[in-house]
Amino acid sequence: MAHVLVTGSAGFIGGYLVQQLLADGHDVVGLDDYSKYGPVTRSYDRHPRYRLVEGDASDVTVVEELLRDRDHLIAGAALIGGISYFHTYPYDLLAANERIIASTCDAAIRAHRSGRLRKVTYISSSMVFESTDHWPSREGDQLAVPPPRSSYGFQKLATEYFARAAWDQYGLPYTIVRPFNCVGVGEIRALAQATCSSGTIKLAMSHVVSDLVQKIVKGQHPLRILGDGRQVRHYTYGGDLARGIVLAMEHESATNEDFNLSTAESTTVLDLAERIWSRLRPGVPFEVVNDPAFEHDVQKRIPDVSKARDLLGFTAGVSLDEMLDEVVPWVVGAVEAGRL
């Protein structure tokens, strides 16, 4: 059993991650300031091996204190959202996330020197490959292709530099994981979040599955999609990503390595939209209108998944249809209840 601190534990991926850690027998402390969604409840809140601390991951003192009896730190705290979110708040994302990662590393360096902390597992993003011109993206490509143009992608690349610099100067072991296009339940409207428009529909700035479901449930027809719909993504179930993150945390071969965590299945946005449409509007012709794409709407986000498979034994097992069978009804309920 490892003793793990998870920052950003109340977030979208964080919920899946804590659940996986507890299922695997670990003792978990979660840190979250509830700044995005406000207080949330989880099925494991009263689990005997789980404790939630409400606090700010950019506070070095708070993080360092929580690390005193921890073997591992999973650094997941960050401002994050769908594509509309990081186009609306480019400065806030950059500034807040830099403060969080700098403070997290400061605390982890001290805890590693004086305590039992063995390693930090950093949650990065597929957006570090934003500017690539060849696919699939392999670990190491982020250092060879031009840097990301979006402030979000640039900051996630900076997170990886923090990880390596803390090792180079202070000997703090690390693992970097890059989730690709998480799909799951639990995403709701952020507290301070502005809405965005799609035609006459007002949306929460959520990820693509939630956005599409919101528009269909609210009666949009034809369905409006960003760009031409040929954007390629690898939609990966939150539970699979959590399993991969925990494997990367535990595995001896993962020390000072980086991993793409993703399904191997490519899907276009147009195909995703049609699959969701068929679940919600069966028998109604599927028609789309193409809206202008966001500036940083990457055309292809395709990972090489062989390193995680070969070194960690990780493969994502949940198909897109299985994800949608679970997630679409959940999002419909969230829309009807006013949570999205």
Protein backbone atom coordinates (compact mmCIF):
# COMPACT_ATOMS: atom_id res chain seq x y z
CA MET A 1 0.00 0.00 0.00
CA ALA A 2 1.32 3.43 -0.96
CA HIS A 3 0.38 6.67 0.77
CA VAL A 4 -0.59 9.10 -1.99
CA LEU A 5 -1.41 12.81 -2.17
CA VAL A 6 -3.56 13.77 -5.17
CA THR A 7 -3.85 17.47 -5.95
CA GLY A 8 -6.94 18.44 -7.90
CA SER A 9 -8.73 15.42 -6.50
CA ALA A 10 -12.22 16.87 -7.02
CA GLY A 11 -11.64 17.48 -10.72
CA PHE A 12 -12.82 15.62 -13.81
CA ILE A 13 -9.95 13.11 -13.98
CA GLY A 14 -9.28 13.39 -10.24
CA GLY A 15 -12.52 11.66 -9.35
CA TYR A 16 -11.66 8.62 -11.44
CA LEU A 17 -8.10 8.66 -10.14
CA VAL A 18 -8.97 8.62 -6.44
CA GLN A 19 -11.47 5.83 -7.04
CA GLN A 20 -8.80 3.74 -8.79
CA LEU A 21 -6.20 4.34 -6.08
CA LEU A 22 -8.62 3.24 -3.37
CA ALA A 23 -9.67 0.17 -5.37
CA ASP A 24 -5.99 -0.78 -5.62
CA GLY A 25 -5.58 -0.61 -1.85
CA HIS A 26 -3.74 2.70 -1.46
CA ASP A 27 -4.18 5.30 1.26
CA VAL A 28 -5.18 8.61 -0.33
CA VAL A 29 -5.26 12.25 0.71
CA GLY A 30 -6.98 14.56 -1.78
CA LEU A 31 -6.33 18.29 -2.02
CA ASP A 32 -8.73 20.61 -3.80
CA ASP A 33 -9.92 24.17 -3.27
CA TYR A 34 -13.29 23.62 -5.02
CA SER A 35 -12.57 26.71 -7.09
CA LYS A 36 -14.00 25.29 -10.30
CA TYR A 37 -17.18 23.41 -9.45
CA GLY A 38 -17.71 24.19 -5.78
CA PRO A 39 -18.16 21.37 -3.25
CA VAL A 40 -18.83 18.02 -4.88
CA THR A 41 -19.73 14.66 -3.35
CA ARG A 42 -18.17 11.34 -4.33
CA SER A 43 -19.10 7.76 -3.57
CA TYR A 44 -15.81 7.28 -1.71
CA ASP A 45 -16.00 10.40 0.51
CA ARG A 46 -16.37 8.26 3.66
CA HIS A 47 -13.88 5.60 2.63
CA PRO A 48 -11.60 4.72 5.58
CA ARG A 49 -8.47 5.17 3.45
CA TYR A 50 -9.48 8.56 2.03
CA ARG A 51 -9.23 12.04 3.45
CA LEU A 52 -10.07 15.26 1.60
CA VAL A 53 -8.38 18.51 2.51
CA GLU A 54 -9.89 21.72 1.19
CA GLY A 55 -6.95 23.92 0.28
CA ASP A 56 -4.97 25.61 -2.46
CA ALA A 57 -2.29 23.65 -4.34
CA SER A 58 -0.46 26.91 -5.00
CA ASP A 59 0.18 27.25 -1.25
CA VAL A 60 3.59 25.67 -0.64
CA THR A 61 2.99 25.33 3.09
CA VAL A 62 -0.25 23.39 2.60
CA VAL A 63 1.24 20.97 0.08
CA GLU A 64 4.44 20.44 2.07
CA GLU A 65 2.50 19.65 5.24
CA LEU A 66 0.35 17.07 3.45
CA LEU A 67 3.44 15.42 1.98
CA ARG A 68 5.02 14.66 5.35
CA ASP A 69 3.62 11.12 5.44
CA ARG A 70 3.17 10.49 1.70
CA ASP A 71 5.17 8.14 -0.54
CA HIS A 72 3.79 9.55 -3.78
CA LEU A 73 2.40 12.80 -5.11
CA ILE A 74 0.15 12.88 -8.17
CA ALA A 75 0.19 16.49 -9.35
CA GLY A 76 -3.15 16.99 -11.06
CA ALA A 77 -4.30 20.40 -9.84
CA ALA A 78 -4.81 22.87 -12.70
CA LEU A 79 -7.37 25.10 -14.33
CA ILE A 80 -8.62 23.08 -17.27
CA GLY A 81 -11.67 22.81 -19.48
CA GLY A 82 -12.79 22.26 -23.04
CA ILE A 83 -11.49 24.19 -26.03
CA SER A 84 -13.84 27.15 -25.46
CA TYR A 85 -12.63 27.33 -21.85
CA PHE A 86 -8.95 27.75 -22.64
CA HIS A 87 -9.67 30.24 -25.43
CA THR A 88 -11.75 32.37 -23.05
CA TYR A 89 -9.29 32.34 -20.14
CA PRO A 90 -5.82 32.14 -21.73
CA TYR A 91 -4.07 34.37 -19.20
CA ASP A 92 -5.82 32.96 -16.13
CA LEU A 93 -4.92 29.40 -17.16
CA LEU A 94 -1.29 30.29 -17.77
CA ALA A 95 -0.82 32.34 -14.61
CA ALA A 96 -2.72 30.11 -12.19
CA ASN A 97 -1.25 26.86 -13.50
CA GLU A 98 2.31 28.22 -13.34
CA ARG A 99 1.77 29.20 -9.72
CA ILE A 100 0.37 25.77 -8.93
CA ILE A 101 3.18 23.79 -10.54
CA ALA A 102 5.95 25.96 -9.09
CA SER A 103 4.53 25.67 -5.57
CA THR A 104 3.90 21.95 -5.98
CA CYS A 105 7.50 21.36 -7.05
CA ASP A 106 8.88 23.54 -4.25
CA ALA A 107 6.93 21.52 -1.69
CA ALA A 108 7.85 18.19 -3.29
CA ILE A 109 11.57 19.02 -3.39
CA ARG A 110 11.52 19.80 0.32
CA ALA A 111 9.46 16.72 1.15
CA HIS A 112 11.77 14.47 -0.84
CA ARG A 113 14.81 15.87 0.96
CA SER A 114 13.40 15.58 4.46
CA GLY A 115 10.75 12.89 4.33
CA ARG A 116 9.53 9.76 2.63
CA LEU A 117 8.32 11.17 -0.70
CA ARG A 118 9.59 8.84 -3.43
CA LYS A 119 8.28 10.34 -6.65
CA VAL A 120 5.99 12.89 -8.29
CA THR A 121 3.67 11.81 -11.09
CA TYR A 122 2.75 14.86 -13.16
CA ILE A 123 -0.45 14.99 -15.21
CA SER A 124 0.39 16.80 -18.44
CA SER A 125 -1.66 16.97 -21.65
CA SER A 126 -1.72 15.85 -25.25
CA MET A 127 -1.66 19.57 -26.09
CA VAL A 128 2.13 19.55 -25.71
CA PHE A 129 2.05 18.12 -29.26
CA GLU A 130 -0.16 20.96 -30.51
CA SER A 131 2.31 22.21 -33.15
CA THR A 132 3.41 18.87 -34.55
CA ASP A 133 3.30 18.19 -38.29
CA HIS A 134 3.68 14.40 -38.15
CA TRP A 135 1.71 11.59 -36.53
CA PRO A 136 1.48 9.60 -34.39
CA SER A 137 3.04 11.73 -31.67
CA ARG A 138 5.72 9.81 -29.79
CA GLU A 139 7.19 10.55 -26.40
CA GLY A 140 10.07 12.92 -27.06
CA ASP A 141 8.40 14.66 -30.01
CA GLN A 142 7.34 17.50 -27.69
CA LEU A 143 11.03 18.45 -27.43
CA ALA A 144 11.62 18.39 -31.18
CA VAL A 145 8.54 20.06 -32.71
CA PRO A 146 7.73 23.79 -32.35
CA PRO A 147 6.28 24.71 -28.94
CA PRO A 148 2.49 24.89 -28.48
CA ARG A 149 0.87 28.14 -29.59
CA SER A 150 -1.94 28.10 -27.03
CA SER A 151 -1.19 29.29 -23.51
CA TYR A 152 -2.69 26.06 -22.16
CA GLY A 153 -0.49 23.81 -24.27
CA PHE A 154 2.56 25.96 -23.57
CA GLN A 155 1.96 25.77 -19.81
CA LYS A 156 1.56 22.00 -19.91
CA LEU A 157 4.87 21.76 -21.72
CA ALA A 158 6.32 23.99 -18.98
CA THR A 159 5.00 21.52 -16.40
CA GLU A 160 7.12 18.83 -18.04
CA TYR A 161 10.14 21.13 -17.90
CA PHE A 162 9.50 21.68 -14.17
CA ALA A 163 9.49 17.91 -13.69
CA ARG A 164 12.79 17.40 -15.46
CA ALA A 165 14.44 20.45 -13.90
CA ALA A 166 13.51 19.29 -10.38
CA TRP A 167 15.19 15.98 -11.17
CA ASP A 168 18.25 17.57 -12.78
CA GLN A 169 18.93 19.97 -9.92
CA TYR A 170 17.42 18.30 -6.85
CA GLY A 171 17.17 14.61 -7.74
CA LEU A 172 13.37 14.54 -7.38
CA PRO A 173 12.17 11.46 -9.33
CA TYR A 174 9.25 11.97 -11.69
CA THR A 175 6.89 10.37 -14.14
CA ILE A 176 4.96 12.39 -16.72
CA VAL A 177 1.61 11.16 -18.05
CA ARG A 178 -0.35 12.71 -20.93
CA PRO A 179 -4.05 11.85 -21.02
CA PHE A 180 -5.71 12.10 -24.43
CA ASN A 181 -9.28 13.43 -24.66
CA CYS A 182 -10.85 12.18 -21.45
CA VAL A 183 -14.49 11.10 -21.68
CA GLY A 184 -16.43 10.45 -18.51
CA VAL A 185 -19.10 11.54 -16.07
CA GLY A 186 -18.83 14.23 -13.43
CA GLU A 187 -18.27 17.40 -15.44
CA ILE A 188 -20.64 20.22 -14.45
CA ARG A 189 -20.85 23.96 -15.00
CA ALA A 190 -17.93 25.81 -13.43
CA LEU A 191 -18.72 28.42 -10.79
CA ALA A 192 -17.10 31.44 -12.43
CA GLN A 193 -17.42 30.23 -15.97
CA ALA A 194 -18.95 32.34 -18.69
CA THR A 195 -21.22 30.59 -21.15
CA CYS A 196 -20.44 30.22 -24.83
CA SER A 197 -22.88 30.28 -27.72
CA SER A 198 -23.60 27.79 -30.47
CA GLY A 199 -26.24 29.40 -32.62
CA THR A 200 -29.02 30.29 -30.20
CA ILE A 201 -27.89 27.70 -27.62
CA LYS A 202 -26.00 28.74 -24.49
CA LEU A 203 -23.48 26.15 -23.30
CA ALA A 204 -21.25 25.50 -20.35
CA MET A 205 -17.60 25.41 -21.49
CA SER A 206 -17.22 21.67 -21.16
CA HIS A 207 -15.50 18.99 -23.19
CA VAL A 208 -16.75 17.94 -26.60
CA VAL A 209 -19.08 15.07 -25.60
CA SER A 210 -20.90 17.26 -23.06
CA ASP A 211 -21.06 20.14 -25.55
CA LEU A 212 -22.62 17.97 -28.24
CA VAL A 213 -25.14 16.39 -25.88
CA GLN A 214 -26.13 19.83 -24.54
CA LYS A 215 -26.85 21.12 -28.03
CA ILE A 216 -28.89 18.09 -29.07
CA VAL A 217 -30.91 17.97 -25.84
CA LYS A 218 -31.64 21.69 -26.15
CA GLY A 219 -33.12 21.10 -29.61
CA GLN A 220 -30.42 22.26 -32.00
CA HIS A 221 -31.11 21.00 -35.53
CA PRO A 222 -29.10 20.99 -37.69
CA LEU A 223 -26.30 20.35 -35.24
CA ARG A 224 -23.55 22.98 -35.20
CA ILE A 225 -19.98 21.70 -34.95
CA LEU A 226 -16.72 23.59 -34.81
CA GLY A 227 -14.69 23.38 -37.99
CA ASP A 228 -15.25 20.81 -40.71
CA GLY A 229 -15.64 17.88 -38.32
CA ARG A 230 -12.64 16.06 -39.70
CA GLN A 231 -10.55 16.77 -36.61
CA VAL A 232 -9.12 13.46 -35.36
CA ARG A 233 -9.19 12.63 -31.67
CA HIS A 234 -8.57 9.63 -29.43
CA TYR A 235 -11.44 9.63 -26.94
CA THR A 236 -10.32 7.75 -23.83
CA TYR A 237 -12.45 6.68 -20.88
CA GLY A 238 -11.70 8.37 -17.57
CA GLY A 239 -11.48 5.03 -15.80
CA ASP A 240 -8.88 3.79 -18.28
CA LEU A 241 -6.85 6.97 -17.84
CA ALA A 242 -6.96 6.61 -14.06
CA ARG A 243 -5.75 3.03 -14.32
CA GLY A 244 -2.88 4.15 -16.55
CA ILE A 245 -1.89 6.97 -14.18
CA VAL A 246 -1.79 4.59 -11.23
CA LEU A 247 0.28 2.07 -13.21
CA ALA A 248 2.72 4.86 -14.09
CA MET A 249 2.92 5.89 -10.44
CA GLU A 250 3.62 2.34 -9.26
CA HIS A 251 5.83 0.89 -11.97
CA GLU A 252 9.58 0.88 -11.40
CA SER A 253 10.24 1.25 -15.12
CA ALA A 254 8.25 4.51 -15.15
CA THR A 255 10.76 6.48 -13.08
CA ASN A 256 11.96 9.55 -15.00
CA GLU A 257 9.92 8.53 -18.04
CA ASP A 258 6.95 10.05 -19.88
CA PHE A 259 3.92 8.26 -21.29
CA ASN A 260 1.04 8.95 -23.65
CA LEU A 261 -2.10 7.44 -22.11
CA SER A 262 -4.79 6.89 -24.69
CA THR A 263 -6.98 4.56 -26.64
CA ALA A 264 -5.47 3.45 -29.93
CA GLU A 265 -8.75 4.23 -31.74
CA SER A 266 -8.97 7.33 -33.95
CA THR A 267 -12.34 9.06 -34.29
CA THR A 268 -13.35 12.22 -36.14
CA VAL A 269 -15.46 14.85 -34.43
CA LEU A 270 -18.10 14.30 -37.11
CA ASP A 271 -18.28 10.57 -36.35
CA LEU A 272 -18.52 11.32 -32.62
CA ALA A 273 -21.36 13.77 -33.24
CA GLU A 274 -23.28 11.27 -35.38
CA ARG A 275 -22.94 8.54 -32.75
CA ILE A 276 -24.33 10.86 -30.06
CA TRP A 277 -27.09 12.08 -32.37
CA SER A 278 -28.23 8.52 -33.09
CA ARG A 279 -28.63 7.87 -29.36
CA LEU A 280 -30.64 11.01 -28.68
CA ARG A 281 -32.56 11.59 -31.92
CA PRO A 282 -33.08 8.15 -33.48
CA GLY A 283 -34.88 8.32 -36.78
CA VAL A 284 -34.19 12.05 -37.23
CA PRO A 285 -31.83 12.85 -40.12
CA PHE A 286 -28.34 13.84 -38.98
CA GLU A 287 -27.48 17.26 -40.40
CA VAL A 288 -24.68 19.61 -39.44
CA VAL A 289 -23.67 23.23 -39.86
CA ASN A 290 -19.96 24.01 -39.73
CA ASP A 291 -19.03 26.94 -37.51
CA PRO A 292 -15.58 28.57 -37.64
CA ALA A 293 -13.04 26.58 -35.64
CA PHE A 294 -11.18 28.03 -32.68
CA GLU A 295 -7.65 29.24 -33.38
CA HIS A 296 -6.04 26.37 -31.46
CA ASP A 297 -8.41 23.60 -32.55
CA VAL A 298 -5.75 21.06 -33.53
CA GLN A 299 -6.67 19.07 -36.63
CA LYS A 300 -5.01 15.84 -35.50
CA ARG A 301 -4.22 14.62 -32.02
CA ILE A 302 -2.96 11.09 -32.56
CA PRO A 303 -0.69 9.40 -30.00
CA ASP A 304 1.78 6.59 -30.26
CA VAL A 305 0.64 4.29 -27.45
CA SER A 306 3.36 1.67 -27.73
CA LYS A 307 5.57 2.92 -24.90
CA ALA A 308 2.81 2.71 -22.27
CA ARG A 309 1.84 -0.71 -23.62
CA ASP A 310 5.36 -2.10 -23.66
CA LEU A 311 6.75 -0.62 -20.41
CA LEU A 312 3.63 -0.43 -18.25
CA GLY A 313 1.40 -3.07 -19.79
CA PHE A 314 -1.28 -0.41 -20.26
CA THR A 315 -3.96 -0.50 -22.93
CA ALA A 316 -7.25 1.38 -22.85
CA GLY A 317 -10.03 -1.19 -22.92
CA VAL A 318 -13.30 0.77 -23.02
CA SER A 319 -14.63 1.42 -26.53
CA LEU A 320 -16.13 4.75 -27.58
CA ASP A 321 -19.60 3.22 -27.86
CA GLU A 322 -19.33 1.84 -24.31
CA MET A 323 -18.27 5.30 -23.08
CA LEU A 324 -21.18 6.99 -24.81
CA ASP A 325 -23.67 4.45 -23.46
CA GLU A 326 -22.64 5.57 -19.96
CA VAL A 327 -21.83 9.22 -20.45
CA VAL A 328 -24.63 10.44 -22.73
CA PRO A 329 -27.47 9.59 -20.27
CA TRP A 330 -25.47 11.14 -17.43
CA VAL A 331 -25.01 14.41 -19.35
CA VAL A 332 -28.70 14.45 -20.30
CA GLY A 333 -29.55 14.20 -16.61
CA ALA A 334 -27.08 16.97 -15.75
CA VAL A 335 -28.61 19.26 -18.38
CA GLU A 336 -32.15 18.55 -17.18
CA ALA A 337 -31.09 19.20 -13.58
CA GLY A 338 -29.41 22.50 -14.52
CA ARG A 339 -25.89 21.33 -13.65
CA LEU A 340 -24.74 21.92 -17.25
